[in-house]
Every structure is written in structure tokens, then in C-alpha cells.
Full PDB file with SEQRES, HELIX, SHEET, SSBOND, CRYST1, ORIGX, SCALE, CONECT and MASTER records, all heavy atoms in Angstrom:
SEQRES   1 A   29  GLY THR ASP ARG LEU GLU ALA ALA ILE ASP ARG ALA GLU          
SEQRES   2 A   29  GLU ARG LEU ARG GLN VAL PRO GLY ASP TYR VAL THR TRP          
SEQRES   3 A   29  ALA ALA LEU                                                  
HELIX    1 AA1 THR A    2  GLN A   18  1                                  17    
HELIX    2 AA2 TYR A   23  ALA A   28  1                                   6    
CRYST1    1.000    1.000    1.000  90.00  90.00  90.00 P 1           1          
ORIGX1      1.000000  0.000000  0.000000        0.00000                         
ORIGX2      0.000000  1.000000  0.000000        0.00000                         
ORIGX3      0.000000  0.000000  1.000000        0.00000                         
SCALE1      1.000000  0.000000  0.000000        0.00000                         
SCALE2      0.000000  1.000000  0.000000        0.00000                         
SCALE3      0.000000  0.000000  1.000000        0.00000                         
ATOM      1  N   GLY A   1       0.793  -1.211   0.000  1.00  0.00           N  
ATOM      2  CA  GLY A   1       0.000   0.000   0.000  1.00  0.00           C  
ATOM      3  C   GLY A   1       0.827   1.263   0.000  1.00  0.00           C  
ATOM      4  O   GLY A   1       1.852   1.386  -0.669  1.00  0.00           O  
ATOM      5  N   THR A   2       0.369   2.230   0.791  1.00  0.00           N  
ATOM      6  CA  THR A   2       0.992   3.543   0.818  1.00  0.00           C  
ATOM      7  C   THR A   2       2.440   3.482   1.299  1.00  0.00           C  
ATOM      8  O   THR A   2       3.303   4.185   0.774  1.00  0.00           O  
ATOM      9  CB  THR A   2       0.180   4.487   1.726  1.00  0.00           C  
ATOM     10  OG1 THR A   2      -1.172   4.518   1.257  1.00  0.00           O  
ATOM     11  CG2 THR A   2       0.752   5.890   1.694  1.00  0.00           C  
ATOM     12  N   ASP A   3       2.713   2.641   2.290  1.00  0.00           N  
ATOM     13  CA  ASP A   3       4.085   2.536   2.794  1.00  0.00           C  
ATOM     14  C   ASP A   3       5.032   2.077   1.695  1.00  0.00           C  
ATOM     15  O   ASP A   3       6.142   2.599   1.556  1.00  0.00           O  
ATOM     16  CB  ASP A   3       4.150   1.551   3.971  1.00  0.00           C  
ATOM     17  CG  ASP A   3       3.509   2.111   5.231  1.00  0.00           C  
ATOM     18  OD1 ASP A   3       3.313   3.338   5.286  1.00  0.00           O  
ATOM     19  OD2 ASP A   3       3.208   1.320   6.130  1.00  0.00           O  
ATOM     20  N   ARG A   4       4.592   1.092   0.929  1.00  0.00           N  
ATOM     21  CA  ARG A   4       5.438   0.588  -0.138  1.00  0.00           C  
ATOM     22  C   ARG A   4       5.657   1.663  -1.211  1.00  0.00           C  
ATOM     23  O   ARG A   4       6.744   1.788  -1.762  1.00  0.00           O  
ATOM     24  CB  ARG A   4       4.796  -0.662  -0.745  1.00  0.00           C  
ATOM     25  CG  ARG A   4       5.679  -1.323  -1.762  1.00  0.00           C  
ATOM     26  CD  ARG A   4       5.236  -2.676  -2.214  1.00  0.00           C  
ATOM     27  NE  ARG A   4       3.928  -3.113  -1.798  1.00  0.00           N  
ATOM     28  CZ  ARG A   4       3.258  -4.046  -2.461  1.00  0.00           C  
ATOM     29  NH1 ARG A   4       3.758  -4.566  -3.558  1.00  0.00           N  
ATOM     30  NH2 ARG A   4       2.089  -4.454  -2.047  1.00  0.00           N  
ATOM     31  N   LEU A   5       4.609   2.416  -1.494  1.00  0.00           N  
ATOM     32  CA  LEU A   5       4.718   3.483  -2.480  1.00  0.00           C  
ATOM     33  C   LEU A   5       5.711   4.542  -2.024  1.00  0.00           C  
ATOM     34  O   LEU A   5       6.588   4.972  -2.786  1.00  0.00           O  
ATOM     35  CB  LEU A   5       3.341   4.109  -2.704  1.00  0.00           C  
ATOM     36  CG  LEU A   5       3.276   5.329  -3.610  1.00  0.00           C  
ATOM     37  CD1 LEU A   5       3.758   4.993  -5.006  1.00  0.00           C  
ATOM     38  CD2 LEU A   5       1.856   5.886  -3.658  1.00  0.00           C  
ATOM     39  N   GLU A   6       5.596   4.970  -0.786  1.00  0.00           N  
ATOM     40  CA  GLU A   6       6.517   5.991  -0.270  1.00  0.00           C  
ATOM     41  C   GLU A   6       7.950   5.466  -0.257  1.00  0.00           C  
ATOM     42  O   GLU A   6       8.898   6.200  -0.567  1.00  0.00           O  
ATOM     43  CB  GLU A   6       6.101   6.410   1.138  1.00  0.00           C  
ATOM     44  CG  GLU A   6       4.794   7.182   1.197  1.00  0.00           C  
ATOM     45  CD  GLU A   6       4.861   8.531   0.508  1.00  0.00           C  
ATOM     46  OE1 GLU A   6       5.981   9.016   0.209  1.00  0.00           O  
ATOM     47  OE2 GLU A   6       3.794   9.119   0.255  1.00  0.00           O  
ATOM     48  N   ALA A   7       8.113   4.187   0.092  1.00  0.00           N  
ATOM     49  CA  ALA A   7       9.455   3.608   0.091  1.00  0.00           C  
ATOM     50  C   ALA A   7      10.020   3.571  -1.318  1.00  0.00           C  
ATOM     51  O   ALA A   7      11.207   3.839  -1.536  1.00  0.00           O  
ATOM     52  CB  ALA A   7       9.417   2.199   0.688  1.00  0.00           C  
ATOM     53  N   ALA A   8       9.193   3.239  -2.298  1.00  0.00           N  
ATOM     54  CA  ALA A   8       9.651   3.211  -3.686  1.00  0.00           C  
ATOM     55  C   ALA A   8      10.068   4.600  -4.156  1.00  0.00           C  
ATOM     56  O   ALA A   8      11.092   4.769  -4.832  1.00  0.00           O  
ATOM     57  CB  ALA A   8       8.554   2.655  -4.594  1.00  0.00           C  
ATOM     58  N   ILE A   9       9.290   5.611  -3.780  1.00  0.00           N  
ATOM     59  CA  ILE A   9       9.630   6.980  -4.154  1.00  0.00           C  
ATOM     60  C   ILE A   9      10.946   7.392  -3.498  1.00  0.00           C  
ATOM     61  O   ILE A   9      11.829   7.985  -4.143  1.00  0.00           O  
ATOM     62  CB  ILE A   9       8.486   7.940  -3.766  1.00  0.00           C  
ATOM     63  CG1 ILE A   9       7.273   7.706  -4.678  1.00  0.00           C  
ATOM     64  CG2 ILE A   9       8.938   9.397  -3.852  1.00  0.00           C  
ATOM     65  CD1 ILE A   9       6.042   8.482  -4.270  1.00  0.00           C  
ATOM     66  N   ASP A  10      11.097   7.077  -2.218  1.00  0.00           N  
ATOM     67  CA  ASP A  10      12.331   7.433  -1.518  1.00  0.00           C  
ATOM     68  C   ASP A  10      13.549   6.775  -2.167  1.00  0.00           C  
ATOM     69  O   ASP A  10      14.600   7.416  -2.350  1.00  0.00           O  
ATOM     70  CB  ASP A  10      12.240   7.023  -0.045  1.00  0.00           C  
ATOM     71  CG  ASP A  10      11.270   7.883   0.748  1.00  0.00           C  
ATOM     72  OD1 ASP A  10      10.901   8.969   0.247  1.00  0.00           O  
ATOM     73  OD2 ASP A  10      10.875   7.458   1.854  1.00  0.00           O  
ATOM     74  N   ARG A  11      13.410   5.492  -2.521  1.00  0.00           N  
ATOM     75  CA  ARG A  11      14.535   4.793  -3.133  1.00  0.00           C  
ATOM     76  C   ARG A  11      14.866   5.363  -4.511  1.00  0.00           C  
ATOM     77  O   ARG A  11      16.029   5.481  -4.887  1.00  0.00           O  
ATOM     78  CB  ARG A  11      14.242   3.292  -3.223  1.00  0.00           C  
ATOM     79  CG  ARG A  11      14.310   2.570  -1.888  1.00  0.00           C  
ATOM     80  CD  ARG A  11      14.331   1.066  -2.078  1.00  0.00           C  
ATOM     81  NE  ARG A  11      13.099   0.572  -2.657  1.00  0.00           N  
ATOM     82  CZ  ARG A  11      12.014   0.223  -1.937  1.00  0.00           C  
ATOM     83  NH1 ARG A  11      12.031   0.360  -0.614  1.00  0.00           N  
ATOM     84  NH2 ARG A  11      10.938  -0.255  -2.531  1.00  0.00           N  
ATOM     85  N   ALA A  12      13.813   5.715  -5.250  1.00  0.00           N  
ATOM     86  CA  ALA A  12      14.041   6.301  -6.570  1.00  0.00           C  
ATOM     87  C   ALA A  12      14.761   7.633  -6.455  1.00  0.00           C  
ATOM     88  O   ALA A  12      15.713   7.919  -7.197  1.00  0.00           O  
ATOM     89  CB  ALA A  12      12.708   6.471  -7.297  1.00  0.00           C  
ATOM     90  N   GLU A  13      14.325   8.464  -5.519  1.00  0.00           N  
ATOM     91  CA  GLU A  13      14.947   9.784  -5.374  1.00  0.00           C  
ATOM     92  C   GLU A  13      16.397   9.654  -4.902  1.00  0.00           C  
ATOM     93  O   GLU A  13      17.264  10.416  -5.351  1.00  0.00           O  
ATOM     94  CB  GLU A  13      14.112  10.629  -4.415  1.00  0.00           C  
ATOM     95  CG  GLU A  13      12.764  11.028  -5.028  1.00  0.00           C  
ATOM     96  CD  GLU A  13      11.879  11.797  -4.069  1.00  0.00           C  
ATOM     97  OE1 GLU A  13      12.105  11.699  -2.833  1.00  0.00           O  
ATOM     98  OE2 GLU A  13      10.952  12.484  -4.544  1.00  0.00           O  
ATOM     99  N   GLU A  14      16.666   8.699  -4.014  1.00  0.00           N  
ATOM    100  CA  GLU A  14      18.042   8.480  -3.574  1.00  0.00           C  
ATOM    101  C   GLU A  14      18.897   7.991  -4.736  1.00  0.00           C  
ATOM    102  O   GLU A  14      20.044   8.446  -4.922  1.00  0.00           O  
ATOM    103  CB  GLU A  14      18.069   7.457  -2.436  1.00  0.00           C  
ATOM    104  CG  GLU A  14      19.467   7.105  -1.953  1.00  0.00           C  
ATOM    105  CD  GLU A  14      20.236   8.315  -1.435  1.00  0.00           C  
ATOM    106  OE1 GLU A  14      19.599   9.261  -0.920  1.00  0.00           O  
ATOM    107  OE2 GLU A  14      21.489   8.319  -1.558  1.00  0.00           O  
ATOM    108  N   ARG A  15      18.363   7.093  -5.531  1.00  0.00           N  
ATOM    109  CA  ARG A  15      19.099   6.605  -6.703  1.00  0.00           C  
ATOM    110  C   ARG A  15      19.430   7.760  -7.656  1.00  0.00           C  
ATOM    111  O   ARG A  15      20.543   7.845  -8.193  1.00  0.00           O  
ATOM    112  CB  ARG A  15      18.228   5.553  -7.409  1.00  0.00           C  
ATOM    113  CG  ARG A  15      18.642   5.194  -8.830  1.00  0.00           C  
ATOM    114  CD  ARG A  15      19.771   4.215  -8.867  1.00  0.00           C  
ATOM    115  NE  ARG A  15      20.113   3.837 -10.233  1.00  0.00           N  
ATOM    116  CZ  ARG A  15      21.004   2.920 -10.555  1.00  0.00           C  
ATOM    117  NH1 ARG A  15      21.651   2.276  -9.592  1.00  0.00           N  
ATOM    118  NH2 ARG A  15      21.260   2.631 -11.809  1.00  0.00           N  
ATOM    119  N   LEU A  16      18.485   8.654  -7.839  1.00  0.00           N  
ATOM    120  CA  LEU A  16      18.694   9.754  -8.786  1.00  0.00           C  
ATOM    121  C   LEU A  16      19.662  10.803  -8.255  1.00  0.00           C  
ATOM    122  O   LEU A  16      20.310  11.501  -9.032  1.00  0.00           O  
ATOM    123  CB  LEU A  16      17.348  10.381  -9.150  1.00  0.00           C  
ATOM    124  CG  LEU A  16      16.461   9.461 -10.001  1.00  0.00           C  
ATOM    125  CD1 LEU A  16      15.052  10.009 -10.107  1.00  0.00           C  
ATOM    126  CD2 LEU A  16      17.073   9.264 -11.389  1.00  0.00           C  
ATOM    127  N   ARG A  17      19.761  10.905  -6.943  1.00  0.00           N  
ATOM    128  CA  ARG A  17      20.802  11.786  -6.397  1.00  0.00           C  
ATOM    129  C   ARG A  17      22.190  11.223  -6.721  1.00  0.00           C  
ATOM    130  O   ARG A  17      23.140  11.973  -6.955  1.00  0.00           O  
ATOM    131  CB  ARG A  17      20.626  11.937  -4.887  1.00  0.00           C  
ATOM    132  CG  ARG A  17      19.548  12.951  -4.497  1.00  0.00           C  
ATOM    133  CD  ARG A  17      19.551  13.260  -3.017  1.00  0.00           C  
ATOM    134  NE  ARG A  17      19.017  12.151  -2.227  1.00  0.00           N  
ATOM    135  CZ  ARG A  17      17.729  12.021  -1.917  1.00  0.00           C  
ATOM    136  NH1 ARG A  17      16.847  12.913  -2.356  1.00  0.00           N  
ATOM    137  NH2 ARG A  17      17.317  11.007  -1.182  1.00  0.00           N  
ATOM    138  N   GLN A  18      22.284   9.910  -6.746  1.00  0.00           N  
ATOM    139  CA  GLN A  18      23.564   9.265  -7.034  1.00  0.00           C  
ATOM    140  C   GLN A  18      23.827   9.139  -8.539  1.00  0.00           C  
ATOM    141  O   GLN A  18      24.961   9.291  -8.992  1.00  0.00           O  
ATOM    142  CB  GLN A  18      23.593   7.876  -6.389  1.00  0.00           C  
ATOM    143  CG  GLN A  18      23.473   7.896  -4.873  1.00  0.00           C  
ATOM    144  CD  GLN A  18      23.326   6.506  -4.288  1.00  0.00           C  
ATOM    145  OE1 GLN A  18      23.399   5.508  -5.004  1.00  0.00           O  
ATOM    146  NE2 GLN A  18      23.098   6.427  -2.980  1.00  0.00           N  
ATOM    147  N   VAL A  19      22.742   8.860  -9.304  1.00  0.00           N  
ATOM    148  CA  VAL A  19      22.886   8.646 -10.753  1.00  0.00           C  
ATOM    149  C   VAL A  19      21.820   9.475 -11.456  1.00  0.00           C  
ATOM    150  O   VAL A  19      20.783   8.961 -11.883  1.00  0.00           O  
ATOM    151  CB  VAL A  19      22.746   7.158 -11.126  1.00  0.00           C  
ATOM    152  CG1 VAL A  19      23.113   6.932 -12.595  1.00  0.00           C  
ATOM    153  CG2 VAL A  19      23.570   6.278 -10.212  1.00  0.00           C  
ATOM    154  N   PRO A  20      22.027  10.781 -11.576  1.00  0.00           N  
ATOM    155  CA  PRO A  20      20.978  11.647 -12.136  1.00  0.00           C  
ATOM    156  C   PRO A  20      20.651  11.370 -13.591  1.00  0.00           C  
ATOM    157  O   PRO A  20      19.605  11.810 -14.075  1.00  0.00           O  
ATOM    158  CB  PRO A  20      21.555  13.051 -11.950  1.00  0.00           C  
ATOM    159  CG  PRO A  20      23.026  12.858 -11.808  1.00  0.00           C  
ATOM    160  CD  PRO A  20      23.211  11.551 -11.134  1.00  0.00           C  
ATOM    161  N   GLY A  21      21.502  10.638 -14.290  1.00  0.00           N  
ATOM    162  CA  GLY A  21      21.236  10.328 -15.687  1.00  0.00           C  
ATOM    163  C   GLY A  21      20.506   9.020 -15.903  1.00  0.00           C  
ATOM    164  O   GLY A  21      20.386   8.563 -17.049  1.00  0.00           O  
ATOM    165  N   ASP A  22      19.976   8.405 -14.850  1.00  0.00           N  
ATOM    166  CA  ASP A  22      19.291   7.113 -14.956  1.00  0.00           C  
ATOM    167  C   ASP A  22      17.849   7.349 -15.417  1.00  0.00           C  
ATOM    168  O   ASP A  22      16.939   7.542 -14.621  1.00  0.00           O  
ATOM    169  CB  ASP A  22      19.319   6.417 -13.604  1.00  0.00           C  
ATOM    170  CG  ASP A  22      18.699   5.022 -13.639  1.00  0.00           C  
ATOM    171  OD1 ASP A  22      18.109   4.672 -14.674  1.00  0.00           O  
ATOM    172  OD2 ASP A  22      18.799   4.318 -12.630  1.00  0.00           O  
ATOM    173  N   TYR A  23      17.639   7.303 -16.720  1.00  0.00           N  
ATOM    174  CA  TYR A  23      16.321   7.609 -17.268  1.00  0.00           C  
ATOM    175  C   TYR A  23      15.273   6.568 -16.885  1.00  0.00           C  
ATOM    176  O   TYR A  23      14.081   6.870 -16.795  1.00  0.00           O  
ATOM    177  CB  TYR A  23      16.398   7.755 -18.787  1.00  0.00           C  
ATOM    178  CG  TYR A  23      16.629   6.477 -19.558  1.00  0.00           C  
ATOM    179  CD1 TYR A  23      15.548   5.720 -20.010  1.00  0.00           C  
ATOM    180  CD2 TYR A  23      17.913   6.021 -19.847  1.00  0.00           C  
ATOM    181  CE1 TYR A  23      15.759   4.549 -20.716  1.00  0.00           C  
ATOM    182  CE2 TYR A  23      18.129   4.856 -20.545  1.00  0.00           C  
ATOM    183  CZ  TYR A  23      17.043   4.117 -20.985  1.00  0.00           C  
ATOM    184  OH  TYR A  23      17.240   2.959 -21.674  1.00  0.00           O  
ATOM    185  N   VAL A  24      15.703   5.327 -16.637  1.00  0.00           N  
ATOM    186  CA  VAL A  24      14.769   4.282 -16.210  1.00  0.00           C  
ATOM    187  C   VAL A  24      14.153   4.642 -14.860  1.00  0.00           C  
ATOM    188  O   VAL A  24      12.947   4.534 -14.645  1.00  0.00           O  
ATOM    189  CB  VAL A  24      15.491   2.928 -16.136  1.00  0.00           C  
ATOM    190  CG1 VAL A  24      14.585   1.862 -15.530  1.00  0.00           C  
ATOM    191  CG2 VAL A  24      15.960   2.495 -17.513  1.00  0.00           C  
ATOM    192  N   THR A  25      15.002   5.099 -13.946  1.00  0.00           N  
ATOM    193  CA  THR A  25      14.503   5.453 -12.622  1.00  0.00           C  
ATOM    194  C   THR A  25      13.640   6.711 -12.668  1.00  0.00           C  
ATOM    195  O   THR A  25      12.657   6.827 -11.933  1.00  0.00           O  
ATOM    196  CB  THR A  25      15.674   5.624 -11.645  1.00  0.00           C  
ATOM    197  OG1 THR A  25      16.404   4.402 -11.601  1.00  0.00           O  
ATOM    198  CG2 THR A  25      15.186   5.961 -10.249  1.00  0.00           C  
ATOM    199  N   TRP A  26      14.000   7.673 -13.549  1.00  0.00           N  
ATOM    200  CA  TRP A  26      13.140   8.853 -13.701  1.00  0.00           C  
ATOM    201  C   TRP A  26      11.734   8.425 -14.143  1.00  0.00           C  
ATOM    202  O   TRP A  26      10.723   8.954 -13.661  1.00  0.00           O  
ATOM    203  CB  TRP A  26      13.733   9.826 -14.707  1.00  0.00           C  
ATOM    204  CG  TRP A  26      14.806  10.718 -14.163  1.00  0.00           C  
ATOM    205  CD1 TRP A  26      16.130  10.719 -14.475  1.00  0.00           C  
ATOM    206  CD2 TRP A  26      14.635  11.774 -13.192  1.00  0.00           C  
ATOM    207  NE1 TRP A  26      16.806  11.686 -13.763  1.00  0.00           N  
ATOM    208  CE2 TRP A  26      15.912  12.353 -12.971  1.00  0.00           C  
ATOM    209  CE3 TRP A  26      13.537  12.274 -12.495  1.00  0.00           C  
ATOM    210  CZ2 TRP A  26      16.109  13.417 -12.091  1.00  0.00           C  
ATOM    211  CZ3 TRP A  26      13.729  13.337 -11.610  1.00  0.00           C  
ATOM    212  CH2 TRP A  26      15.009  13.889 -11.413  1.00  0.00           C  
ATOM    213  N   ALA A  27      11.665   7.472 -15.074  1.00  0.00           N  
ATOM    214  CA  ALA A  27      10.353   7.000 -15.533  1.00  0.00           C  
ATOM    215  C   ALA A  27       9.593   6.313 -14.405  1.00  0.00           C  
ATOM    216  O   ALA A  27       8.383   6.512 -14.229  1.00  0.00           O  
ATOM    217  CB  ALA A  27      10.523   6.055 -16.713  1.00  0.00           C  
ATOM    218  N   ALA A  28      10.303   5.490 -13.623  1.00  0.00           N  
ATOM    219  CA  ALA A  28       9.662   4.805 -12.504  1.00  0.00           C  
ATOM    220  C   ALA A  28       9.173   5.807 -11.459  1.00  0.00           C  
ATOM    221  O   ALA A  28       8.094   5.652 -10.880  1.00  0.00           O  
ATOM    222  CB  ALA A  28      10.637   3.819 -11.876  1.00  0.00           C  
ATOM    223  N   LEU A  29       9.972   6.844 -11.211  1.00  0.00           N  
ATOM    224  CA  LEU A  29       9.574   7.865 -10.236  1.00  0.00           C  
ATOM    225  C   LEU A  29       8.320   8.594 -10.712  1.00  0.00           C  
ATOM    226  O   LEU A  29       7.399   8.857  -9.926  1.00  0.00           O  
ATOM    227  CB  LEU A  29      10.715   8.856 -10.022  1.00  0.00           C  
ATOM    228  CG  LEU A  29      10.434   9.999  -9.043  1.00  0.00           C  
ATOM    229  CD1 LEU A  29      10.137   9.463  -7.645  1.00  0.00           C  
ATOM    230  CD2 LEU A  29      11.624  10.972  -9.006  1.00  0.00           C  
TER     231      LEU A  29                                                      
MASTER        0    0    0    2    0    0    0    6  230    1    0    3          
END                                                                             
């Protein structure tokens, strides 16, 4: 549910801070 969604968003944003050119993660976010 919502917890999983928020966790997914947090992980995506952390990934993008490390790899801002990851277009796959931008799409997932």
C-alpha cells in the first residue's frame, strides 16, 4: 500500500541523487 509506495519513491529519489542520468529510474519515479 501507501508505505510501499513511499518507500519506492524514496529509493528512486536516492538513486537519482547518485545517478541523475538514470532515465529508467526517472520513468519509474
